[in-house]
Amino acid sequence: MEIIHVSAECYPVAKAGGLGDVVGALPKYLNEAGHIAKVVMPMYRTKFLNDNDWEVVHKGYTNLGSYWFTYTIIKERTNILGFDLYLVDIFGLLDRTMIYGYEDDAQRFTSFQIAVVDWISSWSHRPDVIHVHDHHAGLIPFMVKYCYRYQHLQNIPTVLTIHNAQYQGWMGWDKSSYIPAWDPWKRGMLDWKEMINPLASGVKCAWKVTTVSHSYLDELRVTANGMEALFEYEKGKCVGILNGIDNIVWDPSTDKYINDHYSVKTVEEGKLKNKKLLCETFDLDINKPLIVFIGRLVGEKGADLLPAAIGDSYYYIGRKMNFLILGSGFPQVEIELEHLKSLSQGDYNFYAGYNESLSHLMYAGSDFILMPSRVEPCGLNQMYAMRYGTVPMVRNTGGLRDTVIDYGEAGGYGIRFNNAIVGDITQSIWRAVELYHDSEKMEEIRKQMMELDFSWESSVKQYIDLYKSL
C-alpha cells in the first residue's frame, strides 16, 4: 500500500510536541513492514531544511479564495529519515521559522492543505490511503469528497488521527471562500457550533478516525473542548491505537545525546554517571532523588501547578529531593519557576526553553519524571522515561493511564495520582522520596520498566490492519 501522511510537524524537520515524534516514526516503521509511506508537510525555514539535499518535484498554481498563489513541492533526496519526505512551499505563508503562533495560521494551513490536494490530484496514479493528522490537515477529507475540482479523488480512503482535540483550528464563516468551490449542500460537514471547525470536519468526513490511546478515545466522549456529542455520534468509526516510541532514537545504550551509555544490566551505574553530570551542571545535590519535568509550561500539562507543588513539598516533606524543570510556555508560570531559583538550596533549577540534547540527558540522569497533565491524549515522555529507567509520576488520564501501572498494584512500576491538584502532586512526590530510599525496590522497578515494550511494531500492525479494512 501507498500511504500519504499529511502533517504540520515531523521530527526532526520541525517539532513542537508529540505530533512531530509520531509522524517522524510511524512512516518509517510502515516502510519497514513492506509498505510505501510518505510524509508531506510545510516547508518551514528550519535547520533541517538547510542541512539536507533537495530536489523540486512539482510546481503548481491554485487559489485561496481570491488570492492566487504558486506552490512548490520539494523532496529530500537521500531518504535520510527512512521514508520519502516532501515539503510544500508557499511564498509569504509557509516560509516562516516557527510552526505555529501567527495571526494568519488559518490562511497558512488552509493553503497548505489545498496545495497538497492539488498536487495529489495531478498524479498519474492514486495513493491507497491519505492519512491526515490533527486540525492542520483536517479539511483534506472534506476537500477530496466535496470540492468540485477534486471529486475524482473521493474514492481514496482517508484516515484522521487526533493527537490533541483541544486545538481544532476554528475559522469564521467569512473564511469559507478559502476552501475551493464546494457543494453548498454539504455546509454541515464543515460546521460545528456555527464555526468552520477543521477538526470536526475531519471527524465527519474521514473514513476512519483514530486517537493516540484507548483511554483518550473514551475521554473524548466526555470532554473534548465542545466536540463531545460529535465523538459520541461518530464512535462507530473511531479506534484507539496507542502511540509507540522509536527504540532506535530512544535507546540509553546508543543515544547520541548522552556520553555515558548503559543497558538494563548496567542501569544503576549508568544513571548515576548521567545524574552526576546533571547535578554538576545545575548545582543540585546528587544524594537526593532527582524529579524532573520536561514539556510545555501550559495548563493542559498541569505546569501551572508546579510552583505551588514544589513549594508545598519543601514545606511538608522537607528539602529531601531535587527538582529540575525544562520547558517554556505561559509567561507567568515561567516567572514563578524562575523565582524559585533564588530560593534553591542546591535542590532546584529551571531551564527556560527547549533543548533536545538536555532532554535526553534528563531522561538518562533523573530518578523520576513528573507529568501532572490535565489532558494527555497519549504521552510519550513517560515511555521515553521508562526506556531510560526513570520512574514516571503521572496523573491517571489518557495514555498515561494506559501505559503506567502504580507500583502499589500487582506488577506495577510507576506512581499514579487521580487529580491535577497540588495536594495529589505533593502526595506523589512524598511517595517518590520513600521509593527512592528503598534501593532494592527501586532497582527492581528500573529494570522492569526498561524491559517493557513500547515500540512501534504493535501499533504499526494495527494501522496496517486499519488501512486494509478500507
Protein backbone atom coordinates (compact mmCIF):
# COMPACT_ATOMS: atom_id res chain seq x y z
CA MET A 1 0.00 0.00 0.00
CA GLU A 2 0.99 3.63 -0.54
CA ILE A 3 0.09 5.83 2.44
CA ILE A 4 0.46 9.62 2.33
CA HIS A 5 0.81 11.26 5.75
CA VAL A 6 -0.08 14.96 5.87
CA SER A 7 1.04 16.83 8.97
CA ALA A 8 2.16 20.20 10.31
CA GLU A 9 5.06 18.55 12.17
CA CYS A 10 7.60 15.78 11.64
CA TYR A 11 10.68 15.12 13.79
CA PRO A 12 13.46 16.07 13.17
CA VAL A 13 12.32 18.51 10.48
CA ALA A 14 10.07 20.60 12.73
CA LYS A 15 8.58 19.57 16.06
CA ALA A 16 6.52 21.26 18.76
CA GLY A 17 5.26 18.16 20.56
CA GLY A 18 4.24 14.52 20.32
CA LEU A 19 2.67 15.00 16.88
CA GLY A 20 6.13 15.55 15.42
CA ASP A 21 7.53 12.44 17.10
CA VAL A 22 4.73 10.23 15.80
CA VAL A 23 4.86 11.48 12.21
CA GLY A 24 8.64 11.12 12.28
CA ALA A 25 8.42 7.46 13.32
CA LEU A 26 5.20 5.80 12.08
CA PRO A 27 6.00 6.12 8.34
CA LYS A 28 9.46 4.63 8.86
CA TYR A 29 8.03 1.55 10.51
CA LEU A 30 5.31 1.24 7.86
CA ASN A 31 8.07 1.16 5.24
CA GLU A 32 9.96 -1.47 7.21
CA ALA A 33 6.76 -3.55 7.18
CA GLY A 34 6.82 -3.53 3.38
CA HIS A 35 4.57 -0.59 2.53
CA ILE A 36 5.26 2.80 0.95
CA ALA A 37 4.72 5.61 3.43
CA LYS A 38 5.41 9.24 2.59
CA VAL A 39 5.17 12.47 4.59
CA VAL A 40 4.04 15.86 3.27
CA MET A 41 4.45 18.94 5.48
CA PRO A 42 5.05 22.71 5.18
CA MET A 43 8.49 23.99 4.20
CA TYR A 44 9.37 25.94 7.34
CA ARG A 45 12.76 27.65 7.33
CA THR A 46 14.50 25.25 9.73
CA LYS A 47 18.00 23.93 10.24
CA PHE A 48 16.94 20.58 8.73
CA LEU A 49 15.99 22.36 5.51
CA ASN A 50 19.42 23.95 5.22
CA ASP A 51 21.39 20.85 6.20
CA ASN A 52 19.95 18.43 3.63
CA ASP A 53 19.76 17.92 -0.12
CA TRP A 54 16.52 18.61 -2.00
CA GLU A 55 15.01 18.43 -5.47
CA VAL A 56 11.95 20.17 -6.89
CA VAL A 57 9.32 17.61 -7.92
CA HIS A 58 6.31 19.79 -8.69
CA LYS A 59 5.15 23.36 -9.16
CA GLY A 60 1.50 24.31 -9.12
CA TYR A 61 -0.80 27.29 -9.21
CA THR A 62 -4.07 27.49 -7.29
CA ASN A 63 -6.07 29.82 -5.07
CA LEU A 64 -7.05 30.61 -1.51
CA GLY A 65 -10.31 32.40 -2.19
CA SER A 66 -9.46 35.46 -4.29
CA TYR A 67 -5.74 35.07 -3.55
CA TRP A 68 -3.94 33.07 -6.24
CA PHE A 69 -0.61 31.56 -5.35
CA THR A 70 2.17 29.40 -6.71
CA TYR A 71 3.30 26.47 -4.61
CA THR A 72 6.41 24.30 -4.88
CA ILE A 73 6.89 20.71 -3.72
CA ILE A 74 10.44 19.64 -2.90
CA LYS A 75 11.65 16.16 -1.96
CA GLU A 76 14.55 15.15 0.28
CA ARG A 77 16.94 13.23 -1.97
CA THR A 78 18.63 10.71 0.32
CA ASN A 79 15.73 9.14 2.24
CA ILE A 80 17.61 10.06 5.41
CA LEU A 81 14.53 9.61 7.62
CA GLY A 82 13.63 6.17 6.28
CA PHE A 83 10.73 7.46 4.17
CA ASP A 84 10.09 9.93 1.35
CA LEU A 85 9.74 13.45 2.75
CA TYR A 86 8.05 16.22 0.76
CA LEU A 87 7.86 19.88 1.77
CA VAL A 88 5.31 22.38 0.47
CA ASP A 89 6.50 25.95 -0.04
CA ILE A 90 4.13 28.88 -0.47
CA PHE A 91 5.75 32.30 -0.58
CA GLY A 92 4.55 34.60 2.20
CA LEU A 93 2.61 31.87 4.06
CA LEU A 94 4.71 28.80 4.82
CA ASP A 95 8.17 30.35 4.62
CA ARG A 96 8.37 31.04 8.36
CA THR A 97 10.76 29.90 11.09
CA MET A 98 8.09 28.87 13.60
CA ILE A 99 5.45 26.19 13.11
CA TYR A 100 2.55 27.94 14.85
CA GLY A 101 1.69 31.19 16.55
CA TYR A 102 0.99 33.53 13.64
CA GLU A 103 -2.17 35.60 13.23
CA ASP A 104 -2.71 34.16 9.77
CA ASP A 105 -2.40 30.47 10.77
CA ALA A 106 -5.87 29.79 9.34
CA GLN A 107 -4.73 31.01 5.92
CA ARG A 108 -1.36 29.26 6.23
CA PHE A 109 -2.68 25.78 6.97
CA THR A 110 -5.68 26.04 4.65
CA SER A 111 -3.39 26.98 1.77
CA PHE A 112 -1.06 24.12 2.74
CA GLN A 113 -3.93 21.61 2.55
CA ILE A 114 -5.17 22.99 -0.76
CA ALA A 115 -1.67 22.66 -2.22
CA VAL A 116 -1.37 19.06 -1.01
CA VAL A 117 -4.71 18.02 -2.52
CA ASP A 118 -3.99 19.95 -5.72
CA TRP A 119 -0.65 18.16 -6.06
CA ILE A 120 -2.11 14.69 -5.42
CA SER A 121 -4.85 15.39 -7.97
CA SER A 122 -2.15 15.86 -10.62
CA TRP A 123 -0.66 12.39 -10.06
CA SER A 124 -1.00 9.74 -12.75
CA HIS A 125 -1.92 7.23 -10.03
CA ARG A 126 -3.82 7.34 -6.75
CA PRO A 127 -2.39 6.59 -3.29
CA ASP A 128 -4.14 3.85 -1.33
CA VAL A 129 -4.71 5.98 1.79
CA ILE A 130 -4.41 9.64 2.73
CA HIS A 131 -3.67 9.81 6.46
CA VAL A 132 -4.10 13.30 7.95
CA HIS A 133 -3.02 14.43 11.40
CA ASP A 134 -4.86 16.92 13.64
CA HIS A 135 -6.77 20.00 12.53
CA HIS A 136 -3.92 21.40 10.39
CA ALA A 137 -4.81 18.71 7.82
CA GLY A 138 -8.40 18.12 8.91
CA LEU A 139 -10.05 19.78 5.90
CA ILE A 140 -8.50 17.35 3.40
CA PRO A 141 -11.15 14.61 3.84
CA PHE A 142 -13.82 17.26 3.08
CA MET A 143 -11.92 18.61 0.06
CA VAL A 144 -11.49 15.24 -1.65
CA LYS A 145 -15.19 14.47 -1.13
CA TYR A 146 -16.98 17.74 -1.75
CA CYS A 147 -14.75 20.25 -3.57
CA TYR A 148 -15.78 20.12 -7.23
CA ARG A 149 -12.30 20.19 -8.73
CA TYR A 150 -11.07 17.30 -6.56
CA GLN A 151 -14.04 14.93 -6.61
CA HIS A 152 -12.11 12.50 -8.80
CA LEU A 153 -10.19 11.73 -5.56
CA GLN A 154 -13.27 10.95 -3.50
CA ASN A 155 -12.72 7.18 -3.56
CA ILE A 156 -9.32 7.45 -1.85
CA PRO A 157 -9.78 6.33 1.78
CA THR A 158 -8.93 8.99 4.35
CA VAL A 159 -7.86 8.47 7.96
CA LEU A 160 -7.71 11.22 10.58
CA THR A 161 -5.54 10.79 13.66
CA ILE A 162 -6.32 13.09 16.58
CA HIS A 163 -3.25 13.85 18.67
CA ASN A 164 -4.91 16.62 20.68
CA ALA A 165 -8.56 17.61 20.38
CA GLN A 166 -8.12 20.78 22.42
CA TYR A 167 -6.92 22.52 19.27
CA GLN A 168 -9.49 22.49 16.47
CA GLY A 169 -8.50 25.24 14.01
CA TRP A 170 -11.70 27.24 14.26
CA MET A 171 -12.46 29.73 11.50
CA GLY A 172 -15.34 32.14 10.99
CA TRP A 173 -17.69 31.54 8.09
CA ASP A 174 -16.28 34.67 6.47
CA LYS A 175 -13.31 32.45 5.58
CA SER A 176 -15.41 29.80 3.81
CA SER A 177 -14.22 31.21 0.48
CA TYR A 178 -10.72 29.96 1.32
CA ILE A 179 -11.86 26.43 0.55
CA PRO A 180 -12.00 25.57 -3.19
CA ALA A 181 -15.53 25.69 -4.63
CA TRP A 182 -17.60 23.11 -2.80
CA ASP A 183 -21.11 21.71 -2.74
CA PRO A 184 -23.14 24.17 -0.59
CA TRP A 185 -25.48 21.34 0.44
CA LYS A 186 -22.51 19.97 2.43
CA ARG A 187 -22.14 23.04 4.65
CA GLY A 188 -22.90 20.89 7.71
CA MET A 189 -19.77 18.83 7.06
CA LEU A 190 -17.68 21.92 7.79
CA ASP A 191 -19.77 23.43 10.57
CA TRP A 192 -19.61 22.86 14.30
CA LYS A 193 -21.37 25.33 16.60
CA GLU A 194 -21.66 27.94 13.86
CA MET A 195 -17.94 27.94 13.06
CA ILE A 196 -15.86 26.20 10.41
CA ASN A 197 -14.14 23.58 12.52
CA PRO A 198 -11.42 21.68 10.59
CA LEU A 199 -11.06 19.00 13.27
CA ALA A 200 -14.81 18.39 13.46
CA SER A 201 -14.94 18.32 9.65
CA GLY A 202 -12.21 15.70 9.62
CA VAL A 203 -14.13 13.57 12.12
CA LYS A 204 -17.27 13.82 9.98
CA CYS A 205 -15.64 13.25 6.59
CA ALA A 206 -12.74 10.84 7.17
CA TRP A 207 -13.43 7.17 6.57
CA LYS A 208 -11.83 6.27 9.89
CA VAL A 209 -10.73 8.31 12.93
CA THR A 210 -8.02 7.21 15.33
CA THR A 211 -6.88 8.58 18.65
CA VAL A 212 -3.44 8.05 20.14
CA SER A 213 -4.59 5.91 23.07
CA HIS A 214 -7.62 3.83 24.03
CA SER A 215 -8.44 5.84 27.15
CA TYR A 216 -8.26 9.14 25.27
CA LEU A 217 -10.89 7.90 22.83
CA ASP A 218 -13.22 7.19 25.76
CA GLU A 219 -12.46 10.56 27.35
CA LEU A 220 -13.29 12.50 24.18
CA ARG A 221 -16.93 11.47 24.51
CA VAL A 222 -16.93 13.24 27.90
CA THR A 223 -14.50 16.14 27.48
CA ALA A 224 -13.42 17.28 24.01
CA ASN A 225 -13.48 21.08 24.13
CA GLY A 226 -17.04 21.25 22.83
CA MET A 227 -16.97 18.26 20.45
CA GLU A 228 -18.19 15.60 22.92
CA ALA A 229 -21.51 14.99 21.14
CA LEU A 230 -19.76 14.51 17.80
CA PHE A 231 -17.42 11.86 19.19
CA GLU A 232 -20.38 10.07 20.73
CA TYR A 233 -22.24 10.16 17.41
CA GLU A 234 -19.23 9.03 15.33
CA LYS A 235 -17.92 6.43 17.81
CA GLY A 236 -18.58 3.62 15.34
CA LYS A 237 -15.72 4.70 13.08
CA CYS A 238 -13.30 5.71 15.84
CA VAL A 239 -10.42 3.49 17.00
CA GLY A 240 -7.82 3.99 19.73
CA ILE A 241 -4.26 2.99 18.75
CA LEU A 242 -1.57 3.66 21.32
CA ASN A 243 1.47 5.52 20.02
CA GLY A 244 4.81 3.79 20.06
CA ILE A 245 8.30 5.20 20.51
CA ASP A 246 11.29 4.93 18.24
CA ASN A 247 13.55 2.46 20.04
CA ILE A 248 16.49 3.45 17.86
CA VAL A 249 16.34 7.13 18.77
CA TRP A 250 15.41 6.44 22.40
CA ASP A 251 17.99 3.87 23.49
CA PRO A 252 20.24 4.58 26.50
CA SER A 253 22.85 2.14 25.17
CA THR A 254 23.39 4.14 21.94
CA ASP A 255 21.78 7.58 22.48
CA LYS A 256 23.87 10.15 20.59
CA TYR A 257 22.90 12.89 23.04
CA ILE A 258 24.47 11.27 26.12
CA ASN A 259 28.08 10.29 26.79
CA ASP A 260 27.56 7.62 29.45
CA HIS A 261 25.60 4.80 27.87
CA TYR A 262 24.02 1.93 29.76
CA SER A 263 21.74 -1.08 29.40
CA VAL A 264 19.31 -2.86 31.71
CA LYS A 265 22.28 -4.73 33.17
CA THR A 266 24.25 -1.56 33.95
CA VAL A 267 21.36 0.81 34.69
CA GLU A 268 22.39 1.75 38.23
CA GLU A 269 25.93 2.70 37.26
CA GLY A 270 24.88 4.37 34.02
CA LYS A 271 22.14 6.50 35.53
CA LEU A 272 24.44 7.59 38.36
CA LYS A 273 27.02 8.91 35.87
CA ASN A 274 24.38 10.87 33.96
CA LYS A 275 22.83 12.14 37.20
CA LYS A 276 26.23 13.35 38.35
CA LEU A 277 26.63 15.40 35.17
CA LEU A 278 23.14 16.88 35.56
CA CYS A 279 23.72 17.75 39.21
CA GLU A 280 27.08 19.36 38.47
CA THR A 281 25.58 21.36 35.60
CA PHE A 282 22.57 22.62 37.54
CA ASP A 283 24.01 22.83 41.07
CA LEU A 284 21.92 20.01 42.54
CA ASP A 285 22.61 17.51 45.33
CA ILE A 286 23.44 14.12 43.83
CA ASN A 287 22.48 12.33 47.06
CA LYS A 288 18.83 13.36 46.78
CA PRO A 289 16.24 11.88 44.38
CA LEU A 290 16.02 13.95 41.19
CA ILE A 291 12.49 14.71 39.95
CA VAL A 292 12.21 16.35 36.51
CA PHE A 293 9.51 17.92 34.36
CA ILE A 294 10.06 18.10 30.59
CA GLY A 295 7.50 19.79 28.38
CA ARG A 296 5.37 22.79 27.56
CA LEU A 297 4.51 25.02 30.50
CA VAL A 298 0.79 25.17 29.73
CA GLY A 299 -2.42 24.38 31.55
CA GLU A 300 -3.16 21.08 29.85
CA LYS A 301 0.21 19.77 31.08
CA GLY A 302 -0.57 20.93 34.63
CA ALA A 303 2.53 23.14 34.55
CA ASP A 304 0.79 25.97 36.41
CA LEU A 305 0.62 23.64 39.44
CA LEU A 306 4.38 23.09 39.58
CA PRO A 307 5.47 26.18 41.58
CA ALA A 308 2.96 25.53 44.39
CA ALA A 309 3.59 21.76 44.38
CA ILE A 310 7.35 22.28 44.66
CA GLY A 311 6.91 24.84 47.41
CA ASP A 312 4.47 22.65 49.37
CA SER A 313 6.76 19.64 49.01
CA TYR A 314 9.67 21.51 50.56
CA TYR A 315 7.38 22.75 53.35
CA TYR A 316 5.60 19.49 54.22
CA ILE A 317 8.16 16.86 53.24
CA GLY A 318 11.37 18.82 53.76
CA ARG A 319 14.16 19.53 51.32
CA LYS A 320 14.69 15.85 50.64
CA MET A 321 14.52 15.99 46.83
CA ASN A 322 15.84 17.86 43.77
CA PHE A 323 13.65 19.39 41.08
CA LEU A 324 14.81 20.24 37.55
CA ILE A 325 12.35 21.80 35.10
CA LEU A 326 12.83 22.07 31.32
CA GLY A 327 10.23 23.91 29.28
CA SER A 328 8.60 27.10 28.11
CA GLY A 329 5.06 28.36 27.81
CA PHE A 330 2.84 30.62 29.91
CA PRO A 331 4.92 33.69 30.91
CA GLN A 332 3.51 33.74 34.45
CA VAL A 333 4.50 30.12 35.03
CA GLU A 334 7.99 30.82 33.70
CA ILE A 335 8.29 33.83 36.06
CA GLU A 336 7.23 31.76 39.08
CA LEU A 337 9.60 28.92 38.21
CA GLU A 338 12.43 31.36 37.65
CA HIS A 339 11.73 32.96 41.04
CA LEU A 340 12.12 29.58 42.78
CA LYS A 341 15.76 29.51 41.65
CA SER A 342 16.58 32.28 44.13
CA LEU A 343 15.22 30.11 46.95
CA SER A 344 17.15 26.98 45.96
CA GLN A 345 19.41 25.32 48.48
CA GLY A 346 21.18 23.22 45.88
CA ASP A 347 17.95 21.34 45.18
CA TYR A 348 16.12 23.20 42.38
CA ASN A 349 16.79 24.62 38.93
CA PHE A 350 14.88 25.71 35.84
CA TYR A 351 15.92 25.82 32.18
CA ALA A 352 13.57 28.06 30.18
CA GLY A 353 13.12 26.91 26.59
CA TYR A 354 13.56 23.57 24.87
CA ASN A 355 16.80 21.68 24.36
CA GLU A 356 16.69 18.24 22.71
CA SER A 357 20.12 17.24 23.97
CA LEU A 358 19.33 18.27 27.53
CA SER A 359 16.02 16.41 27.47
CA HIS A 360 17.81 13.14 26.63
CA LEU A 361 20.30 13.72 29.44
CA MET A 362 17.43 14.39 31.84
CA TYR A 363 15.72 11.11 30.93
CA ALA A 364 19.02 9.32 31.47
CA GLY A 365 20.08 11.06 34.67
CA SER A 366 16.86 11.62 36.60
CA ASP A 367 15.17 9.27 39.05
CA PHE A 368 11.58 10.37 38.42
CA ILE A 369 9.64 12.31 35.78
CA LEU A 370 6.55 14.26 36.86
CA MET A 371 3.57 14.52 34.48
CA PRO A 372 0.58 16.17 36.26
CA SER A 373 -1.36 16.55 32.99
CA ARG A 374 -4.95 17.70 32.88
CA VAL A 375 -5.11 16.33 29.32
CA GLU A 376 -2.71 13.73 27.89
CA PRO A 377 -4.00 12.02 24.73
CA CYS A 378 -1.11 9.57 24.73
CA GLY A 379 2.02 10.98 26.25
CA LEU A 380 5.44 9.93 25.02
CA ASN A 381 7.56 11.34 27.83
CA GLN A 382 6.56 8.59 30.24
CA MET A 383 7.54 5.95 27.65
CA TYR A 384 10.88 7.63 26.98
CA ALA A 385 11.48 7.83 30.73
CA MET A 386 10.76 4.15 31.32
CA ARG A 387 13.07 3.20 28.47
CA TYR A 388 15.81 5.01 30.44
CA GLY A 389 14.88 3.51 33.81
CA THR A 390 13.24 6.70 35.10
CA VAL A 391 10.07 6.21 37.17
CA PRO A 392 7.02 8.11 35.82
CA MET A 393 4.81 10.05 38.26
CA VAL A 394 1.60 10.61 36.28
CA ARG A 395 -1.95 11.72 36.60
CA ASN A 396 -4.44 8.95 35.88
CA THR A 397 -5.65 10.18 32.48
CA GLY A 398 -5.50 9.33 28.76
CA GLY A 399 -2.43 7.48 27.58
CA LEU A 400 -0.82 7.85 31.00
CA ARG A 401 -3.49 5.53 32.36
CA ASP A 402 -2.85 3.07 29.53
CA THR A 403 0.93 2.89 29.97
CA VAL A 404 1.68 3.32 33.68
CA ILE A 405 0.68 0.90 36.47
CA ASP A 406 1.16 2.13 40.03
CA TYR A 407 3.91 0.29 41.86
CA GLY A 408 1.46 -0.37 44.72
CA GLU A 409 -0.51 -2.68 42.40
CA ALA A 410 0.48 -6.15 41.25
CA GLY A 411 3.16 -5.86 38.58
CA GLY A 412 3.26 -2.09 38.93
CA TYR A 413 6.25 0.14 38.20
CA GLY A 414 5.17 3.81 38.34
CA ILE A 415 3.36 6.33 40.53
CA ARG A 416 -0.18 7.40 39.60
CA PHE A 417 -2.46 10.00 41.17
CA ASN A 418 -6.06 10.85 40.34
CA ASN A 419 -6.41 14.63 40.31
CA ALA A 420 -4.48 17.50 38.76
CA ILE A 421 -4.27 19.37 42.06
CA VAL A 422 -1.35 20.43 44.24
CA GLY A 423 -2.26 18.03 47.05
CA ASP A 424 -2.19 14.94 44.83
CA ILE A 425 1.10 16.01 43.26
CA THR A 426 2.68 16.58 46.68
CA GLN A 427 1.48 13.17 47.84
CA SER A 428 3.09 11.55 44.79
CA ILE A 429 6.35 13.39 45.49
CA TRP A 430 6.33 12.01 49.05
CA ARG A 431 5.81 8.51 47.63
CA ALA A 432 8.69 9.05 45.21
CA VAL A 433 11.05 10.02 48.03
CA GLU A 434 10.02 6.94 50.02
CA LEU A 435 10.51 4.69 46.99
CA TYR A 436 13.92 6.20 46.22
CA HIS A 437 15.23 5.19 49.64
CA ASP A 438 14.08 1.60 49.10
CA SER A 439 17.08 0.88 46.88
CA GLU A 440 16.20 -2.78 46.30
CA LYS A 441 12.68 -1.93 45.10
CA MET A 442 13.98 0.99 43.03
CA GLU A 443 16.47 -1.22 41.21
CA GLU A 444 13.80 -3.85 40.56
CA ILE A 445 11.40 -1.27 39.12
CA ARG A 446 14.07 0.30 36.93
CA LYS A 447 14.94 -3.00 35.30
CA GLN A 448 11.28 -3.94 34.93
CA MET A 449 10.49 -0.67 33.13
CA MET A 450 13.44 -0.89 30.78
CA GLU A 451 12.24 -4.29 29.55
CA LEU A 452 8.72 -3.07 28.75
CA ASP A 453 7.96 -2.90 25.03
CA PHE A 454 6.51 0.43 23.86
CA SER A 455 7.99 0.13 20.36
CA TRP A 456 6.08 0.91 17.18
CA GLU A 457 5.81 -2.69 15.94
CA SER A 458 2.48 -3.48 17.63
CA SER A 459 0.94 -0.10 16.78
CA VAL A 460 2.06 -0.30 13.15
CA LYS A 461 0.34 -3.66 12.74
CA GLN A 462 -2.91 -2.09 13.97
CA TYR A 463 -2.58 0.78 11.49
CA ILE A 464 -1.90 -1.64 8.65
CA ASP A 465 -4.98 -3.67 9.58
CA LEU A 466 -6.99 -0.45 9.66
CA TYR A 467 -5.75 0.63 6.21
CA LYS A 468 -6.52 -2.82 4.77
CA SER A 469 -10.08 -2.65 6.16
CA LEU A 470 -10.68 0.41 3.96
